[in-house]
Protein backbone atom coordinates (compact mmCIF):
# COMPACT_ATOMS: atom_id res chain seq x y z
CA SER A 1 -0.24 20.58 23.90
CA PHE A 2 -0.25 19.33 20.32
CA VAL A 3 -1.24 15.73 19.71
CA MET A 4 -0.64 14.31 16.25
CA SER A 5 -3.51 12.31 14.80
CA PHE A 6 -3.46 9.85 11.92
CA PRO A 7 -6.04 9.06 9.24
CA VAL A 8 -7.75 5.68 9.54
CA GLY A 9 -5.93 3.03 7.50
CA THR A 10 -2.44 4.34 8.34
CA GLY A 11 0.29 1.91 9.42
CA ILE A 12 2.58 3.25 12.15
CA ASP A 13 5.58 1.94 14.07
CA LEU A 14 5.27 1.93 17.85
CA VAL A 15 8.86 2.25 19.10
CA HIS A 16 10.30 2.06 22.60
CA VAL A 17 13.86 2.46 23.86
CA PHE A 18 14.99 0.58 26.99
CA SER A 19 17.96 1.77 29.03
CA ASN A 20 19.51 1.13 32.44
CA ALA A 21 19.73 3.66 35.30
CA SER A 22 22.87 5.15 33.72
CA GLY A 23 21.08 5.75 30.42
CA VAL A 24 22.94 3.01 28.56
CA LEU A 25 20.74 1.11 26.09
CA GLU A 26 20.00 -2.41 27.32
CA ASN A 27 17.84 -5.30 26.16
CA PRO A 28 15.19 -6.47 28.62
CA SER A 29 14.64 -10.22 28.95
CA ASP A 30 11.46 -9.69 26.94
CA SER A 31 9.88 -6.64 25.34
CA VAL A 32 6.07 -6.57 25.40
CA CYS A 33 3.82 -4.18 23.49
CA GLN A 34 0.16 -4.10 24.49
CA VAL A 35 -2.31 -2.40 22.12
CA ARG A 36 -5.97 -1.61 22.75
CA MET A 37 -8.15 -0.64 19.81
CA PRO A 38 -11.01 1.90 20.16
CA THR A 39 -13.39 -1.10 19.89
CA GLY A 40 -12.01 -2.45 23.18
CA GLU A 41 -10.12 -5.35 21.60
CA SER A 42 -6.66 -5.78 23.12
CA TYR A 43 -3.57 -7.46 21.71
CA THR A 44 -0.27 -8.39 23.33
CA TYR A 45 2.88 -8.66 21.21
CA ARG A 46 6.14 -10.13 22.53
CA TYR A 47 9.69 -10.09 21.25
CA SER A 48 10.10 -13.63 22.62
CA GLU A 49 7.25 -14.79 20.35
CA GLY A 50 8.54 -12.99 17.26
CA SER A 51 5.78 -10.36 17.05
CA VAL A 52 8.05 -7.46 18.12
CA THR A 53 11.20 -6.44 16.24
CA ARG A 54 14.49 -5.45 17.89
CA ASP A 55 16.11 -2.81 15.69
CA SER A 56 19.27 -2.53 17.80
CA THR A 57 20.30 -2.86 21.45
CA GLY A 58 17.42 -1.53 23.56
CA VAL A 59 15.30 -0.37 20.59
CA PHE A 60 12.09 -2.33 19.88
CA ARG A 61 9.32 -1.80 17.34
CA ARG A 62 5.84 -3.09 16.53
CA ARG A 63 4.02 -2.09 13.33
CA VAL A 64 0.29 -1.46 13.79
CA LEU A 65 -2.41 -0.82 11.19
CA LEU A 66 -4.82 1.81 12.52
CA SER A 67 -7.88 0.15 11.00
CA VAL A 68 -10.67 1.94 12.91
CA PRO A 69 -11.10 5.57 14.04
CA GLY A 70 -10.88 6.58 17.68
CA ASP A 71 -8.22 6.53 20.38
CA TRP A 72 -5.77 3.65 20.22
CA VAL A 73 -3.83 3.04 23.45
CA TYR A 74 -0.51 1.20 23.76
CA ARG A 75 2.08 0.46 26.40
CA TRP A 76 5.57 -1.05 26.32
CA THR A 77 6.90 -3.19 29.16
CA GLY A 78 10.36 -4.63 29.62
CA THR A 79 10.88 -7.68 31.82
CA GLY A 80 13.87 -9.24 33.56
CA SER A 81 17.06 -7.39 34.48
CA TYR A 82 15.82 -4.03 33.15
CA PRO A 83 12.11 -3.89 33.98
CA SER A 84 10.34 -0.73 32.87
CA THR A 85 7.14 0.53 31.33
CA SER A 86 6.31 3.38 29.00
CA GLY A 87 3.02 4.12 30.70
CA ASP A 88 -0.09 4.38 28.55
CA CYS A 89 0.29 6.26 25.26
CA THR A 90 -2.63 7.37 23.06
CA VAL A 91 -2.74 7.56 19.26
CA PRO A 92 -5.80 9.47 17.96
CA VAL A 93 -7.14 8.16 14.63
CA ASP A 94 -9.41 10.34 12.49
CA PRO A 95 -12.37 8.92 10.58
CA SER A 96 -12.54 9.13 6.79
CA ASP A 97 -15.30 9.50 4.25
CA PHE A 98 -13.57 6.69 2.36
CA SER A 99 -13.12 3.05 3.30
CA PRO A 100 -9.46 2.10 3.88
CA VAL A 101 -7.86 0.15 1.04
CA TYR A 102 -5.36 -2.47 2.23
């Protein structure tokens, strides 16, 4: 299967859609995005703390700067009335001969 990779220094939006058993978009009590960098550093972002954006009912987003090459791993979790998880997702990041400019 084809896996899209990104050049180091790229900013991407990690997006997740939460819905109930009938497929209707619903907001969880909290939306949590966990990100692990290839270096092993992990970060947790929460809608309740203002570090995740809700674009519309059930649709949440976190912007991430892919600052080092390697496999980045992320997972979304919804809590409360509509608990769910995305499972682990991988974003491959390619190295560059140039240093990223931010």
